């Protein structure tokens, strides 16, 4: 998702999620790589910090992050994150700060599809890992049977 806000203005980013994540902690973090990003605001404990705030509408299935008094230094990669056991669900948001007048906040897509794609990608990766592990077990068993048979034939 790409979001553009006017220098000195504010921007609001909607991060949609599925009903199953309604009671999970949500947060907004900043950094080029998700695994190393720094948490800016978080539900429910740090809903507001400096110029950033976060609100979670559990009925609508969307948490909204607002950044105010935008500066050029705010231009960066951010992440909508849902904390959950195992691997968190996250979506990338690129924030651009424009010096021209912008009357509305521009978003290219909603985070729902990105979050769903990430979850699907995670399961696709897990399936490949399980396939490789099972293949290794099959090969190991085959080698063990072959060695036992070879030893039996020598006796």
Protein backbone atom coordinates (compact mmCIF):
# COMPACT_ATOMS: atom_id res chain seq x y z
CA UNK A 1 0.00 0.00 0.00
CA UNK A 2 1.27 3.48 -0.80
CA UNK A 3 0.00 6.47 1.18
CA UNK A 4 0.82 10.09 0.41
CA UNK A 5 0.35 13.00 2.80
CA UNK A 6 1.08 16.71 2.57
CA UNK A 7 4.05 18.16 4.43
CA UNK A 8 2.71 19.62 7.70
CA UNK A 9 -0.60 17.79 7.28
CA UNK A 10 -1.77 14.42 8.52
CA UNK A 11 -2.40 11.02 7.02
CA UNK A 12 -4.69 8.20 8.13
CA UNK A 13 -3.91 4.60 7.21
CA UNK A 14 -6.61 1.89 7.47
CA UNK A 15 -5.33 -1.62 8.16
CA UNK A 16 -8.14 -4.13 7.65
CA UNK A 17 -8.10 -7.60 9.15
CA UNK A 18 -10.24 -10.72 9.39
CA UNK A 19 -12.60 -11.35 12.30
CA UNK A 20 -10.34 -14.07 13.73
CA UNK A 21 -7.78 -11.39 14.64
CA UNK A 22 -10.28 -9.16 16.46
CA UNK A 23 -8.84 -9.72 19.95
CA UNK A 24 -5.17 -9.71 18.93
CA UNK A 25 -2.79 -6.84 19.63
CA UNK A 26 -2.23 -4.56 16.64
CA UNK A 27 0.68 -2.23 16.10
CA UNK A 28 2.32 0.12 13.62
CA UNK A 29 6.05 -0.08 13.20
CA UNK A 30 8.66 1.64 11.07
CA UNK A 31 11.67 0.31 9.22
CA UNK A 32 12.83 -1.05 5.88
CA UNK A 33 12.62 -4.69 7.04
CA UNK A 34 9.64 -5.98 9.04
CA UNK A 35 11.75 -8.17 11.32
CA UNK A 36 13.82 -5.13 12.40
CA UNK A 37 11.10 -2.47 12.49
CA UNK A 38 10.60 -0.23 15.53
CA UNK A 39 7.13 -0.09 17.09
CA UNK A 40 5.63 3.40 16.85
CA UNK A 41 2.17 2.83 18.40
CA UNK A 42 0.42 -0.26 19.73
CA UNK A 43 -3.02 -1.36 20.96
CA UNK A 44 -4.17 -1.29 23.69
CA UNK A 45 -1.25 0.02 25.76
CA UNK A 46 0.32 2.78 23.67
CA UNK A 47 -2.52 4.11 21.55
CA UNK A 48 -0.84 7.50 21.16
CA UNK A 49 2.78 8.59 21.02
CA UNK A 50 4.16 11.92 19.85
CA UNK A 51 2.46 12.59 16.50
CA UNK A 52 1.09 9.06 15.97
CA UNK A 53 -2.08 7.38 17.19
CA UNK A 54 -3.81 4.04 16.64
CA UNK A 55 -7.46 3.05 17.05
CA UNK A 56 -8.96 -0.43 16.66
CA UNK A 57 -12.55 -0.82 15.43
CA UNK A 58 -13.12 -4.50 16.22
CA UNK A 59 -16.63 -4.55 14.76
CA UNK A 60 -15.47 -3.19 11.39
CA UNK A 61 -12.28 -5.27 11.44
CA UNK A 62 -9.95 -2.35 10.85
CA UNK A 63 -7.34 -0.55 12.90
CA UNK A 64 -6.50 2.96 11.86
CA UNK A 65 -3.19 4.74 12.29
CA UNK A 66 -2.97 8.53 12.11
CA UNK A 67 0.26 10.51 11.73
CA UNK A 68 0.04 14.27 12.23
CA UNK A 69 2.33 17.21 11.43
CA UNK A 70 4.03 15.25 8.66
CA UNK A 71 7.70 15.94 8.04
CA UNK A 72 10.03 14.92 5.25
CA UNK A 73 11.77 12.61 7.76
CA UNK A 74 8.50 10.65 8.17
CA UNK A 75 8.90 9.31 4.63
CA UNK A 76 9.69 5.62 5.13
CA UNK A 77 8.39 2.08 5.04
CA UNK A 78 5.89 1.22 7.79
CA UNK A 79 4.09 -1.98 8.72
CA UNK A 80 0.53 -2.77 9.84
CA UNK A 81 1.04 -5.70 12.20
CA UNK A 82 -1.25 -8.15 13.98
CA UNK A 83 0.55 -9.99 16.78
CA UNK A 84 -0.30 -13.67 17.02
CA UNK A 85 1.33 -16.89 18.21
CA UNK A 86 3.88 -18.15 15.75
CA UNK A 87 4.33 -15.72 12.89
CA UNK A 88 2.73 -12.27 13.03
CA UNK A 89 0.56 -11.09 10.18
CA UNK A 90 1.81 -7.89 8.59
CA UNK A 91 1.37 -5.61 5.59
CA UNK A 92 3.78 -3.10 4.12
CA UNK A 93 2.85 0.58 3.86
CA UNK A 94 5.04 3.11 2.06
CA UNK A 95 4.55 6.65 3.28
CA UNK A 96 5.37 9.50 0.94
CA UNK A 97 5.42 13.12 2.03
CA UNK A 98 4.55 15.69 -0.63
CA UNK A 99 5.25 19.40 -0.55
CA UNK A 100 2.35 20.06 -2.91
CA UNK A 101 -1.21 20.52 -1.67
CA UNK A 102 -3.11 17.25 -1.26
CA UNK A 103 -6.80 17.40 -0.47
CA UNK A 104 -7.37 13.72 0.26
CA UNK A 105 -5.39 10.77 1.54
CA UNK A 106 -4.48 8.46 -1.34
CA UNK A 107 -4.25 4.72 -0.84
CA UNK A 108 -3.75 2.20 -3.62
CA UNK A 109 -5.15 -0.89 -1.90
CA UNK A 110 -6.48 -2.01 1.43
CA UNK A 111 -4.35 -4.08 3.76
CA UNK A 112 -6.82 -6.97 3.75
CA UNK A 113 -5.54 -8.47 0.53
CA UNK A 114 -1.92 -7.94 1.54
CA UNK A 115 -2.46 -9.57 4.93
CA UNK A 116 -4.27 -12.50 3.31
CA UNK A 117 -1.52 -12.91 0.70
CA UNK A 118 1.12 -12.95 3.43
CA UNK A 119 -0.78 -15.64 5.32
CA UNK A 120 -1.17 -17.69 2.13
CA UNK A 121 2.53 -17.21 1.37
CA UNK A 122 3.42 -18.44 4.86
CA UNK A 123 1.37 -21.62 4.42
CA UNK A 124 2.82 -22.22 0.95
CA UNK A 125 6.32 -21.99 2.43
CA UNK A 126 5.39 -24.32 5.28
CA UNK A 127 4.01 -26.89 2.79
CA UNK A 128 7.32 -26.90 0.91
CA UNK A 129 9.27 -27.34 4.14
CA UNK A 130 7.06 -30.26 5.17
CA UNK A 131 7.44 -31.79 1.71
CA UNK A 132 11.25 -31.63 1.93
CA UNK A 133 11.26 -33.09 5.45
CA UNK A 134 9.03 -35.98 4.34
CA UNK A 135 11.21 -36.57 1.29
CA UNK A 136 14.31 -36.71 3.51
CA UNK A 137 12.57 -39.24 5.78
CA UNK A 138 11.66 -41.37 2.77
CA UNK A 139 15.23 -41.30 1.41
CA UNK A 140 16.67 -42.07 4.87
CA UNK A 141 14.33 -45.05 5.27
CA UNK A 142 15.22 -46.31 1.81
CA UNK A 143 18.96 -46.08 2.60
CA UNK A 144 18.48 -47.85 5.95
CA UNK A 145 16.54 -50.71 4.30
CA UNK A 146 19.17 -50.97 1.57
CA UNK A 147 22.01 -51.21 4.13
CA UNK A 148 20.16 -53.81 6.22
CA UNK A 149 19.47 -55.85 3.09
CA UNK A 150 23.13 -55.55 1.98
CA UNK A 151 24.39 -56.75 5.37
CA UNK A 152 21.88 -59.63 5.37
CA UNK A 153 23.07 -60.76 1.94
CA UNK A 154 26.72 -60.82 3.10
CA UNK A 155 25.98 -63.21 5.93
